[in-house]
């Protein structure tokens, strides 16, 4: 008997494949810029919103009393500044205003956001204040992370590690489209960095009432706007944070009086740049630089 064979044709279930997400570009729909209330929002909500749009508004971060304290500290420095394109500025703010240092640079929501997106090895990039007076012109749209020379390709969604830094703008007075509010292009942090130039018709104006904040990833196209009013100043306080292994835009070690730095809480001294970027970047004489501020303090004795 001839050998017999049985052939069975099995049905193979189709393999489900994920639809490839479209890379973001200037032709993509602009994402929504979300707004939250500081008393109700979580760090995760702000982080998720930043990943999508690159910018987010948080209302009611500071009180009227806190704003008054900061302005009283900084107004003499603004009055002394030589205007740059009709804008007066004050720098090295962490050494000029204790309220600024603790309630803006050290605000818990801001600390949580920077930790989440830049990891815990971060340093403050620069801290300052801008006062746009009537007649100030549009600042050209630009990316703040240009100082660190990134050349990112387009991505479909945010990838952790892409950001060089984050900016935090706090309204000292009401800021509007008419008096110079910061404008930015939502979603532009996800575009190919060779794409451009940025288009003004895609901008969103971060209008703030006193005490409101605007956080923005440094990869977003943005710029200060023209102050078209006759008698309104735009008073905005700002701080920027970058990764701990990147050089800061403002040299915090020379911009601030060391005596003022010593008055800050130790955790804030480390954030400013006087601590190590782990594992041991930034040592002095093979020692933790915090020992320069606190000689003999045991907790800083072992760099490793």
Protein backbone atom coordinates (compact mmCIF):
# COMPACT_ATOMS: atom_id res chain seq x y z
CA UNK A 1 0.00 0.00 0.00
CA UNK A 2 1.32 3.30 -0.97
CA UNK A 3 1.95 5.58 1.98
CA UNK A 4 -0.84 7.99 2.52
CA UNK A 5 -0.54 11.58 3.63
CA UNK A 6 -2.99 13.91 5.17
CA UNK A 7 -2.60 17.60 4.59
CA UNK A 8 -4.38 20.05 6.81
CA UNK A 9 -4.36 23.70 5.94
CA UNK A 10 -4.35 25.70 9.17
CA UNK A 11 -5.83 29.13 9.34
CA UNK A 12 -3.39 31.60 10.75
CA UNK A 13 -4.91 34.48 12.66
CA UNK A 14 -3.79 37.84 11.31
CA UNK A 15 -1.19 39.52 13.47
CA UNK A 16 -2.40 42.81 14.82
CA UNK A 17 -0.02 45.62 14.00
CA UNK A 18 0.04 49.01 15.58
CA UNK A 19 -0.71 51.86 13.25
CA UNK A 20 2.40 53.92 12.82
CA UNK A 21 1.94 57.31 14.40
CA UNK A 22 2.52 60.33 12.22
CA UNK A 23 5.62 62.39 12.91
CA UNK A 24 4.82 65.89 14.11
CA UNK A 25 5.58 68.92 11.98
CA UNK A 26 4.39 72.46 11.31
CA UNK A 27 1.66 70.91 9.19
CA UNK A 28 0.24 68.92 12.12
CA UNK A 29 -2.83 70.22 13.98
CA UNK A 30 -1.78 72.39 16.90
CA UNK A 31 -2.44 70.73 20.27
CA UNK A 32 -4.55 72.30 23.00
CA UNK A 33 -2.71 74.36 25.60
CA UNK A 34 -4.20 73.30 28.91
CA UNK A 35 -4.89 75.50 31.94
CA UNK A 36 -4.94 74.34 35.55
CA UNK A 37 -5.42 75.83 39.01
CA UNK A 38 -2.35 75.55 41.24
CA UNK A 39 -4.39 74.44 44.24
CA UNK A 40 -5.91 71.46 42.40
CA UNK A 41 -3.40 70.29 39.80
CA UNK A 42 -0.88 67.47 40.26
CA UNK A 43 2.66 67.27 38.95
CA UNK A 44 1.65 64.39 36.67
CA UNK A 45 -1.12 66.45 35.06
CA UNK A 46 1.27 69.30 34.28
CA UNK A 47 3.91 66.90 32.95
CA UNK A 48 1.41 65.12 30.70
CA UNK A 49 0.18 68.44 29.31
CA UNK A 50 3.75 69.62 28.65
CA UNK A 51 4.59 66.43 26.78
CA UNK A 52 1.75 67.07 24.33
CA UNK A 53 1.71 70.85 23.84
CA UNK A 54 5.11 71.91 25.16
CA UNK A 55 3.49 74.62 27.28
CA UNK A 56 0.91 74.85 30.05
CA UNK A 57 -0.69 77.64 32.11
CA UNK A 58 -1.15 77.24 35.87
CA UNK A 59 -3.34 79.84 37.54
CA UNK A 60 -2.96 81.29 41.05
CA UNK A 61 0.55 80.10 41.90
CA UNK A 62 1.57 83.12 43.99
CA UNK A 63 -0.38 85.42 46.28
CA UNK A 64 -0.65 89.20 46.02
CA UNK A 65 1.54 89.52 49.12
CA UNK A 66 4.29 87.36 47.62
CA UNK A 67 4.20 89.33 44.37
CA UNK A 68 4.54 92.57 46.31
CA UNK A 69 7.59 91.27 48.16
CA UNK A 70 9.32 90.20 44.95
CA UNK A 71 8.61 93.49 43.18
CA UNK A 72 9.90 95.48 46.16
CA UNK A 73 13.12 93.46 46.01
CA UNK A 74 13.64 93.76 42.27
CA UNK A 75 12.32 97.22 41.36
CA UNK A 76 15.59 99.04 42.26
CA UNK A 77 17.50 96.71 39.94
CA UNK A 78 15.03 97.28 37.11
CA UNK A 79 15.30 101.03 37.51
CA UNK A 80 19.10 100.80 37.24
CA UNK A 81 19.09 98.61 34.10
CA UNK A 82 19.86 100.15 30.74
CA UNK A 83 16.86 99.24 28.53
CA UNK A 84 17.44 96.60 25.87
CA UNK A 85 14.93 97.05 23.04
CA UNK A 86 12.63 98.89 25.47
CA UNK A 87 12.91 96.06 27.98
CA UNK A 88 14.42 96.45 31.45
CA UNK A 89 15.87 93.32 33.06
CA UNK A 90 17.25 92.08 36.36
CA UNK A 91 19.44 89.00 36.63
CA UNK A 92 20.87 86.83 39.39
CA UNK A 93 17.45 86.95 41.00
CA UNK A 94 18.02 84.08 43.38
CA UNK A 95 20.44 86.30 45.27
CA UNK A 96 18.26 89.42 45.07
CA UNK A 97 14.92 88.19 46.39
CA UNK A 98 14.40 85.53 49.03
CA UNK A 99 10.71 85.26 48.12
CA UNK A 100 11.64 84.73 44.46
CA UNK A 101 14.12 82.02 45.46
CA UNK A 102 11.76 80.10 47.72
CA UNK A 103 8.38 80.62 46.04
CA UNK A 104 9.33 80.53 42.35
CA UNK A 105 12.61 78.64 42.00
CA UNK A 106 11.68 76.48 44.99
CA UNK A 107 7.96 76.07 44.27
CA UNK A 108 6.95 72.41 44.87
CA UNK A 109 5.03 72.13 41.59
CA UNK A 110 7.98 73.47 39.60
CA UNK A 111 10.41 71.17 41.41
CA UNK A 112 8.20 68.18 40.66
CA UNK A 113 7.90 69.03 36.96
CA UNK A 114 11.63 69.56 36.48
CA UNK A 115 12.46 66.36 38.36
CA UNK A 116 10.03 64.40 36.19
CA UNK A 117 11.27 65.69 32.84
CA UNK A 118 14.94 66.47 33.45
CA UNK A 119 15.59 63.76 36.08
CA UNK A 120 16.91 64.57 39.55
CA UNK A 121 20.35 65.56 38.22
CA UNK A 122 19.32 69.06 37.19
CA UNK A 123 20.70 72.54 37.70
CA UNK A 124 19.17 75.98 37.41
CA UNK A 125 19.96 77.49 34.05
CA UNK A 126 19.25 81.14 34.71
CA UNK A 127 16.88 83.22 36.74
CA UNK A 128 15.76 86.68 35.82
CA UNK A 129 13.01 89.23 35.38
CA UNK A 130 11.79 91.18 32.39
CA UNK A 131 9.83 94.40 32.29
CA UNK A 132 8.53 95.30 28.82
CA UNK A 133 7.50 98.93 28.66
CA UNK A 134 5.27 100.50 25.99
CA UNK A 135 7.00 100.51 22.63
CA UNK A 136 8.90 97.24 23.09
CA UNK A 137 8.97 95.19 19.89
CA UNK A 138 8.37 91.51 19.10
CA UNK A 139 11.20 89.19 20.01
CA UNK A 140 11.95 86.82 17.14
CA UNK A 141 10.57 83.30 17.60
CA UNK A 142 13.34 81.00 18.76
CA UNK A 143 14.14 77.87 20.78
CA UNK A 144 15.89 78.31 24.13
CA UNK A 145 17.74 75.01 23.81
CA UNK A 146 19.80 76.40 20.91
CA UNK A 147 22.53 77.11 23.50
CA UNK A 148 23.05 73.36 23.87
CA UNK A 149 23.17 72.69 20.09
CA UNK A 150 20.54 69.94 19.74
CA UNK A 151 19.58 68.65 16.30
CA UNK A 152 16.52 66.53 17.01
CA UNK A 153 14.55 64.70 14.33
CA UNK A 154 10.76 64.86 14.30
CA UNK A 155 8.92 62.51 16.65
CA UNK A 156 5.31 61.38 16.86
CA UNK A 157 5.10 61.94 20.60
CA UNK A 158 7.27 63.18 23.44
CA UNK A 159 10.30 61.07 24.37
CA UNK A 160 11.86 61.36 27.80
CA UNK A 161 15.39 62.69 27.46
CA UNK A 162 14.64 64.96 24.50
CA UNK A 163 14.37 68.14 26.58
CA UNK A 164 17.46 70.17 27.47
CA UNK A 165 15.51 72.45 29.75
CA UNK A 166 12.23 73.97 30.92
CA UNK A 167 11.21 77.59 31.47
CA UNK A 168 8.85 78.96 34.12
CA UNK A 169 7.32 82.43 33.65
CA UNK A 170 5.36 84.04 36.48
CA UNK A 171 3.12 87.06 35.93
CA UNK A 172 4.03 89.95 38.23
CA UNK A 173 1.38 92.07 36.55
CA UNK A 174 -1.35 91.28 34.04
CA UNK A 175 0.22 90.16 30.77
CA UNK A 176 -1.81 90.26 27.57
CA UNK A 177 -1.35 89.95 23.85
CA UNK A 178 -1.44 93.75 23.68
CA UNK A 179 1.25 94.44 26.30
CA UNK A 180 3.77 91.75 25.39
CA UNK A 181 2.71 88.32 26.66
CA UNK A 182 5.03 85.45 25.75
CA UNK A 183 3.84 83.70 22.60
CA UNK A 184 4.82 80.18 21.57
CA UNK A 185 3.96 77.52 19.02
CA UNK A 186 2.25 74.55 20.72
CA UNK A 187 3.73 71.21 19.73
CA UNK A 188 6.84 72.68 18.09
CA UNK A 189 9.08 70.81 20.57
CA UNK A 190 8.26 67.64 18.60
CA UNK A 191 9.18 68.95 15.15
CA UNK A 192 12.34 68.27 13.19
CA UNK A 193 14.81 70.95 14.25
CA UNK A 194 15.75 71.66 10.65
CA UNK A 195 12.18 72.72 9.89
CA UNK A 196 11.45 76.42 9.71
CA UNK A 197 11.17 79.31 9.80
CA UNK A 198 8.42 79.37 12.47
CA UNK A 199 5.12 80.96 11.50
CA UNK A 200 3.53 83.73 13.56
CA UNK A 201 0.02 82.56 12.65
CA UNK A 202 0.59 79.41 14.73
CA UNK A 203 1.44 81.18 17.96
CA UNK A 204 -0.49 80.99 21.23
CA UNK A 205 -0.27 83.92 23.66
CA UNK A 206 0.27 82.96 27.31
CA UNK A 207 -1.87 85.65 28.89
CA UNK A 208 -1.50 85.76 32.66
CA UNK A 209 -3.11 87.54 35.57
CA UNK A 210 -0.82 88.42 38.50
CA UNK A 211 0.33 85.22 40.21
CA UNK A 212 -0.31 82.94 37.23
CA UNK A 213 2.48 80.81 35.75
CA UNK A 214 3.40 79.53 32.30
CA UNK A 215 5.74 76.53 31.97
CA UNK A 216 7.32 75.70 28.62
CA UNK A 217 9.77 73.14 27.27
CA UNK A 218 12.93 74.73 25.86
CA UNK A 219 12.40 73.05 22.48
CA UNK A 220 9.33 75.19 21.69
CA UNK A 221 9.50 78.14 19.35
CA UNK A 222 8.58 81.22 21.39
CA UNK A 223 9.33 84.88 21.99
CA UNK A 224 8.30 87.90 23.99
CA UNK A 225 5.76 90.06 22.17
CA UNK A 226 5.46 93.72 21.30
CA UNK A 227 4.00 96.04 23.91
CA UNK A 228 1.47 97.99 21.84
CA UNK A 229 -0.10 99.80 24.78
CA UNK A 230 0.50 103.39 25.81
CA UNK A 231 0.82 102.96 29.57
CA UNK A 232 1.03 99.27 30.55
CA UNK A 233 4.19 97.46 31.58
CA UNK A 234 4.54 93.70 31.32
CA UNK A 235 6.25 92.48 34.47
CA UNK A 236 7.27 88.82 34.30
CA UNK A 237 9.56 86.79 36.56
CA UNK A 238 11.26 83.75 35.09
CA UNK A 239 13.49 80.85 35.97
CA UNK A 240 14.91 78.14 33.72
CA UNK A 241 16.24 74.72 34.57
CA UNK A 242 18.54 72.45 32.59
CA UNK A 243 20.05 69.00 33.02
CA UNK A 244 22.78 68.72 35.64
CA UNK A 245 25.47 67.76 33.16
CA UNK A 246 24.78 70.70 30.84
CA UNK A 247 26.31 74.13 31.28
CA UNK A 248 23.98 76.76 32.68
CA UNK A 249 23.10 79.76 30.49
CA UNK A 250 23.61 82.19 33.39
CA UNK A 251 26.72 81.53 35.45
CA UNK A 252 25.16 81.16 38.89
CA UNK A 253 28.52 81.12 40.68
CA UNK A 254 29.47 84.62 39.48
CA UNK A 255 25.97 86.12 39.11
CA UNK A 256 25.12 85.79 42.80
CA UNK A 257 26.73 87.00 46.03
CA UNK A 258 28.02 83.91 47.84
CA UNK A 259 26.79 85.40 51.12
CA UNK A 260 23.25 85.41 49.76
CA UNK A 261 23.61 81.83 48.52
CA UNK A 262 24.63 80.73 52.02
CA UNK A 263 21.33 82.11 53.35
CA UNK A 264 19.31 79.71 51.17
CA UNK A 265 18.17 76.26 52.34
CA UNK A 266 20.77 73.61 51.52
CA UNK A 267 18.48 71.77 49.10
CA UNK A 268 18.12 74.98 47.11
CA UNK A 269 21.86 75.63 47.16
CA UNK A 270 22.32 72.23 45.54
CA UNK A 271 19.68 73.00 42.93
CA UNK A 272 21.38 76.26 42.03
CA UNK A 273 24.52 74.31 41.16
CA UNK A 274 26.56 74.03 44.34
CA UNK A 275 25.81 70.32 44.65
CA UNK A 276 27.12 67.43 42.61
CA UNK A 277 25.44 66.19 39.47
CA UNK A 278 25.49 62.51 40.32
CA UNK A 279 27.48 60.44 40.34
CA UNK A 280 30.27 63.01 40.86
CA UNK A 281 30.21 65.76 38.23
CA UNK A 282 31.32 69.14 39.55
CA UNK A 283 33.69 68.23 42.38
CA UNK A 284 36.28 70.59 43.89
CA UNK A 285 39.55 69.01 45.08
CA UNK A 286 37.80 65.64 44.70
CA UNK A 287 35.20 66.77 47.22
CA UNK A 288 31.52 67.65 47.17
CA UNK A 289 31.35 71.40 46.37
CA UNK A 290 28.76 71.84 49.13
CA UNK A 291 31.70 71.65 51.53
CA UNK A 292 32.75 75.07 50.21
CA UNK A 293 29.53 76.43 51.72
CA UNK A 294 29.47 74.14 54.76
CA UNK A 295 33.05 73.22 55.76
CA UNK A 296 33.28 70.04 57.79
CA UNK A 297 29.61 69.10 57.41
CA UNK A 298 29.60 65.31 57.67
CA UNK A 299 26.77 64.64 55.21
CA UNK A 300 28.88 66.16 52.40
CA UNK A 301 32.12 64.50 53.44
CA UNK A 302 31.95 61.43 51.17
CA UNK A 303 31.64 62.33 47.50
CA UNK A 304 31.18 58.71 46.46
